[in-house]
């Protein structure tokens, strides 16, 4: 199993196809979500470090991008991610 950081806590995930949101939920975190397809922006998180796939920032405003926000329901988990929910 691999890990990433959320609010300075270690979160495990099964594989690179699992989304950040799925991994967080499996680790007992609650992140508001609705559509699970990247359209509603309910599941936005803020990226502190690392990279997320481009589709997780698709159609976000320039202001949101400057704040390093991303859609956790479509962002694929990877070891470089450090994120938080301070945006919520």
N, C-alpha and C. Protein backbone atom coordinates (compact mmCIF):
# COMPACT_ATOMS: atom_id res chain seq x y z
N UNK A 1 0.82 -1.19 0.00
CA UNK A 1 0.00 0.00 0.00
C UNK A 1 0.87 1.25 0.00
N UNK A 2 0.40 2.29 -0.67
CA UNK A 2 1.12 3.55 -0.74
C UNK A 2 0.38 4.59 0.11
N UNK A 3 1.03 5.74 0.32
CA UNK A 3 0.44 6.76 1.18
C UNK A 3 0.61 8.17 0.61
N UNK A 4 -0.26 9.08 1.08
CA UNK A 4 -0.09 10.51 0.86
C UNK A 4 -0.49 11.20 2.15
N UNK A 5 -0.30 12.52 2.23
CA UNK A 5 -0.62 13.25 3.45
C UNK A 5 -1.84 14.14 3.27
N UNK A 6 -2.70 14.12 4.29
CA UNK A 6 -3.88 14.97 4.35
C UNK A 6 -3.94 15.59 5.74
N UNK A 7 -3.92 16.91 5.81
CA UNK A 7 -3.89 17.60 7.11
C UNK A 7 -2.78 17.05 8.01
N UNK A 8 -1.63 16.80 7.41
CA UNK A 8 -0.44 16.27 8.10
C UNK A 8 -0.64 14.87 8.68
N UNK A 9 -1.62 14.14 8.21
CA UNK A 9 -1.83 12.75 8.61
C UNK A 9 -1.60 11.84 7.41
N UNK A 10 -1.07 10.66 7.67
CA UNK A 10 -0.79 9.70 6.61
C UNK A 10 -2.08 9.00 6.19
N UNK A 11 -2.31 8.96 4.89
CA UNK A 11 -3.49 8.30 4.32
C UNK A 11 -3.00 7.21 3.36
N UNK A 12 -3.46 5.97 3.55
CA UNK A 12 -3.07 4.90 2.63
C UNK A 12 -4.06 4.78 1.48
N UNK A 13 -3.54 4.32 0.36
CA UNK A 13 -4.41 4.05 -0.78
C UNK A 13 -3.95 2.78 -1.47
N UNK A 14 -4.90 2.10 -2.14
CA UNK A 14 -4.65 0.77 -2.71
C UNK A 14 -3.78 0.80 -3.97
N UNK A 15 -4.10 1.71 -4.89
CA UNK A 15 -3.38 1.75 -6.17
C UNK A 15 -3.57 3.11 -6.82
N UNK A 16 -2.89 3.32 -7.94
CA UNK A 16 -2.90 4.63 -8.60
C UNK A 16 -4.22 4.94 -9.31
N UNK A 17 -5.14 4.00 -9.35
CA UNK A 17 -6.45 4.25 -9.95
C UNK A 17 -7.44 4.78 -8.91
N UNK A 18 -7.11 4.65 -7.64
CA UNK A 18 -8.00 5.12 -6.59
C UNK A 18 -7.94 6.65 -6.50
N UNK A 19 -9.08 7.28 -6.30
CA UNK A 19 -9.09 8.73 -6.18
C UNK A 19 -8.72 9.15 -4.76
N UNK A 20 -8.32 10.40 -4.64
CA UNK A 20 -8.01 10.96 -3.33
C UNK A 20 -9.23 10.87 -2.43
N UNK A 21 -10.40 11.19 -2.95
CA UNK A 21 -11.63 11.13 -2.17
C UNK A 21 -11.91 9.72 -1.66
N UNK A 22 -11.78 8.72 -2.52
CA UNK A 22 -12.01 7.33 -2.11
C UNK A 22 -11.04 6.93 -1.00
N UNK A 23 -9.77 7.28 -1.16
CA UNK A 23 -8.77 6.93 -0.14
C UNK A 23 -9.08 7.61 1.18
N UNK A 24 -9.45 8.89 1.13
CA UNK A 24 -9.78 9.61 2.36
C UNK A 24 -10.97 8.97 3.06
N UNK A 25 -12.01 8.64 2.31
CA UNK A 25 -13.19 8.01 2.90
C UNK A 25 -12.85 6.66 3.51
N UNK A 26 -12.02 5.86 2.83
CA UNK A 26 -11.62 4.56 3.36
C UNK A 26 -10.78 4.68 4.63
N UNK A 27 -10.17 5.84 4.81
CA UNK A 27 -9.35 6.08 6.00
C UNK A 27 -10.11 6.85 7.08
N UNK A 28 -11.42 6.97 6.92
CA UNK A 28 -12.26 7.54 7.96
C UNK A 28 -12.46 9.04 7.92
N UNK A 29 -12.02 9.71 6.86
CA UNK A 29 -12.21 11.15 6.73
C UNK A 29 -13.52 11.43 6.00
N UNK A 30 -14.19 12.51 6.36
CA UNK A 30 -15.40 12.92 5.66
C UNK A 30 -15.09 14.17 4.85
N UNK A 31 -15.28 14.07 3.55
CA UNK A 31 -15.12 15.20 2.64
C UNK A 31 -16.46 15.36 1.92
N UNK A 32 -17.09 16.54 1.99
CA UNK A 32 -18.35 16.72 1.28
C UNK A 32 -18.18 16.42 -0.21
N UNK A 33 -19.13 15.70 -0.77
CA UNK A 33 -19.07 15.38 -2.20
C UNK A 33 -20.50 15.17 -2.70
N UNK A 34 -20.65 15.21 -4.01
CA UNK A 34 -21.98 15.03 -4.58
C UNK A 34 -21.95 14.22 -5.86
N UNK A 35 -21.40 14.79 -6.93
CA UNK A 35 -21.52 14.17 -8.25
C UNK A 35 -20.53 13.03 -8.48
N UNK A 36 -19.38 13.06 -7.84
CA UNK A 36 -18.30 12.07 -8.01
C UNK A 36 -17.78 12.00 -9.44
N UNK A 37 -17.98 13.08 -10.19
CA UNK A 37 -17.48 13.09 -11.58
C UNK A 37 -16.75 14.39 -11.93
N UNK A 38 -16.51 15.24 -10.93
CA UNK A 38 -15.74 16.45 -11.17
C UNK A 38 -16.54 17.65 -11.65
N UNK A 39 -17.85 17.61 -11.55
CA UNK A 39 -18.66 18.73 -12.05
C UNK A 39 -19.12 19.71 -10.97
N UNK A 40 -19.39 19.22 -9.75
CA UNK A 40 -20.07 20.07 -8.77
C UNK A 40 -19.13 20.90 -7.89
N UNK A 41 -17.87 20.51 -7.77
CA UNK A 41 -16.86 21.20 -6.95
C UNK A 41 -17.11 21.12 -5.45
N UNK A 42 -17.96 20.23 -4.98
CA UNK A 42 -18.18 20.07 -3.53
C UNK A 42 -16.95 19.50 -2.84
N UNK A 43 -16.18 18.69 -3.52
CA UNK A 43 -15.08 17.94 -2.89
C UNK A 43 -13.72 18.62 -3.04
N UNK A 44 -13.71 19.92 -3.23
CA UNK A 44 -12.44 20.63 -3.42
C UNK A 44 -11.54 20.53 -2.19
N UNK A 45 -10.27 20.28 -2.45
CA UNK A 45 -9.23 20.30 -1.43
C UNK A 45 -8.13 21.21 -1.92
N UNK A 46 -7.23 21.58 -1.02
CA UNK A 46 -6.11 22.45 -1.37
C UNK A 46 -4.82 21.64 -1.38
N UNK A 47 -4.08 21.75 -2.45
CA UNK A 47 -2.81 21.04 -2.61
C UNK A 47 -1.70 21.85 -1.97
N UNK A 48 -1.01 21.26 -0.99
CA UNK A 48 0.12 21.91 -0.34
C UNK A 48 1.43 21.60 -1.06
N UNK A 49 1.52 20.40 -1.59
CA UNK A 49 2.75 19.95 -2.23
C UNK A 49 2.40 18.78 -3.15
N UNK A 50 3.22 18.59 -4.18
CA UNK A 50 3.01 17.47 -5.10
C UNK A 50 2.22 17.89 -6.32
N UNK A 51 1.76 16.88 -7.07
CA UNK A 51 1.04 17.13 -8.30
C UNK A 51 -0.21 16.27 -8.37
N UNK A 52 -1.24 16.83 -8.99
CA UNK A 52 -2.47 16.08 -9.25
C UNK A 52 -2.70 16.04 -10.76
N UNK A 53 -3.47 15.05 -11.20
CA UNK A 53 -3.75 14.95 -12.63
C UNK A 53 -4.54 16.16 -13.11
N UNK A 54 -4.31 16.54 -14.34
CA UNK A 54 -4.89 17.75 -14.92
C UNK A 54 -6.42 17.77 -14.85
N UNK A 55 -7.05 16.63 -15.01
CA UNK A 55 -8.52 16.58 -14.99
C UNK A 55 -9.10 16.99 -13.64
N UNK A 56 -8.32 16.92 -12.58
CA UNK A 56 -8.82 17.30 -11.26
C UNK A 56 -8.86 18.81 -11.06
N UNK A 57 -8.33 19.56 -12.03
CA UNK A 57 -8.40 21.01 -11.96
C UNK A 57 -9.12 21.60 -13.18
N UNK A 58 -9.71 20.74 -13.98
CA UNK A 58 -10.43 21.16 -15.18
C UNK A 58 -11.61 22.06 -14.81
N UNK A 59 -11.76 23.16 -15.53
CA UNK A 59 -12.86 24.12 -15.36
C UNK A 59 -12.87 24.86 -14.03
N UNK A 60 -11.77 24.87 -13.30
CA UNK A 60 -11.70 25.69 -12.09
C UNK A 60 -11.33 27.11 -12.49
N UNK A 61 -11.81 28.07 -11.74
CA UNK A 61 -11.50 29.47 -12.04
C UNK A 61 -10.02 29.76 -11.79
N UNK A 62 -9.55 30.84 -12.34
CA UNK A 62 -8.16 31.26 -12.14
C UNK A 62 -7.88 31.46 -10.65
N UNK A 63 -8.83 32.03 -9.94
CA UNK A 63 -8.69 32.24 -8.49
C UNK A 63 -8.54 30.91 -7.75
N UNK A 64 -9.31 29.91 -8.12
CA UNK A 64 -9.22 28.59 -7.50
C UNK A 64 -7.89 27.93 -7.82
N UNK A 65 -7.43 28.07 -9.05
CA UNK A 65 -6.14 27.49 -9.44
C UNK A 65 -4.99 28.13 -8.68
N UNK A 66 -5.06 29.44 -8.48
CA UNK A 66 -4.02 30.14 -7.72
C UNK A 66 -3.96 29.66 -6.28
N UNK A 67 -5.10 29.22 -5.76
CA UNK A 67 -5.15 28.69 -4.39
C UNK A 67 -4.80 27.21 -4.34
N UNK A 68 -4.44 26.64 -5.50
CA UNK A 68 -4.05 25.23 -5.62
C UNK A 68 -5.17 24.27 -5.24
N UNK A 69 -6.40 24.62 -5.60
CA UNK A 69 -7.52 23.74 -5.31
C UNK A 69 -7.62 22.66 -6.37
N UNK A 70 -8.19 21.53 -5.97
CA UNK A 70 -8.40 20.43 -6.91
C UNK A 70 -9.61 19.61 -6.48
N UNK A 71 -10.19 18.89 -7.44
CA UNK A 71 -11.37 18.06 -7.21
C UNK A 71 -10.92 16.68 -6.76
N UNK A 72 -11.14 16.38 -5.48
CA UNK A 72 -10.64 15.12 -4.93
C UNK A 72 -11.34 13.89 -5.49
N UNK A 73 -12.53 14.07 -6.07
CA UNK A 73 -13.26 12.91 -6.60
C UNK A 73 -12.68 12.39 -7.91
N UNK A 74 -11.88 13.20 -8.60
CA UNK A 74 -11.27 12.76 -9.85
C UNK A 74 -9.74 12.80 -9.80
N UNK A 75 -9.17 13.31 -8.71
CA UNK A 75 -7.71 13.33 -8.56
C UNK A 75 -7.23 11.93 -8.19
N UNK A 76 -6.29 11.42 -8.93
CA UNK A 76 -5.73 10.10 -8.63
C UNK A 76 -4.71 10.23 -7.50
N UNK A 77 -4.80 9.33 -6.55
CA UNK A 77 -3.88 9.33 -5.42
C UNK A 77 -2.46 9.02 -5.89
N UNK A 78 -1.48 9.73 -5.31
CA UNK A 78 -0.08 9.42 -5.57
C UNK A 78 0.75 9.87 -4.38
N UNK A 79 1.96 9.31 -4.29
CA UNK A 79 2.81 9.54 -3.12
C UNK A 79 3.27 10.98 -2.94
N UNK A 80 3.19 11.80 -3.97
CA UNK A 80 3.70 13.17 -3.86
C UNK A 80 2.70 14.13 -3.22
N UNK A 81 1.44 13.71 -3.10
CA UNK A 81 0.38 14.62 -2.65
C UNK A 81 0.45 14.91 -1.15
N UNK A 82 0.39 16.20 -0.85
CA UNK A 82 0.15 16.69 0.50
C UNK A 82 -0.95 17.71 0.34
N UNK A 83 -2.09 17.47 1.00
CA UNK A 83 -3.24 18.36 0.82
C UNK A 83 -3.96 18.62 2.14
N UNK A 84 -4.90 19.55 2.08
CA UNK A 84 -5.65 19.91 3.29
C UNK A 84 -7.08 20.30 2.91
N UNK A 85 -7.91 20.41 3.95
CA UNK A 85 -9.29 20.81 3.73
C UNK A 85 -9.59 22.19 4.31
N UNK A 86 -8.57 23.03 4.43
CA UNK A 86 -8.75 24.37 5.00
C UNK A 86 -9.66 25.23 4.12
N UNK A 87 -9.79 24.86 2.87
CA UNK A 87 -10.65 25.59 1.93
C UNK A 87 -12.12 25.44 2.31
N UNK A 88 -12.49 24.27 2.82
CA UNK A 88 -13.89 23.93 3.10
C UNK A 88 -14.48 24.85 4.17
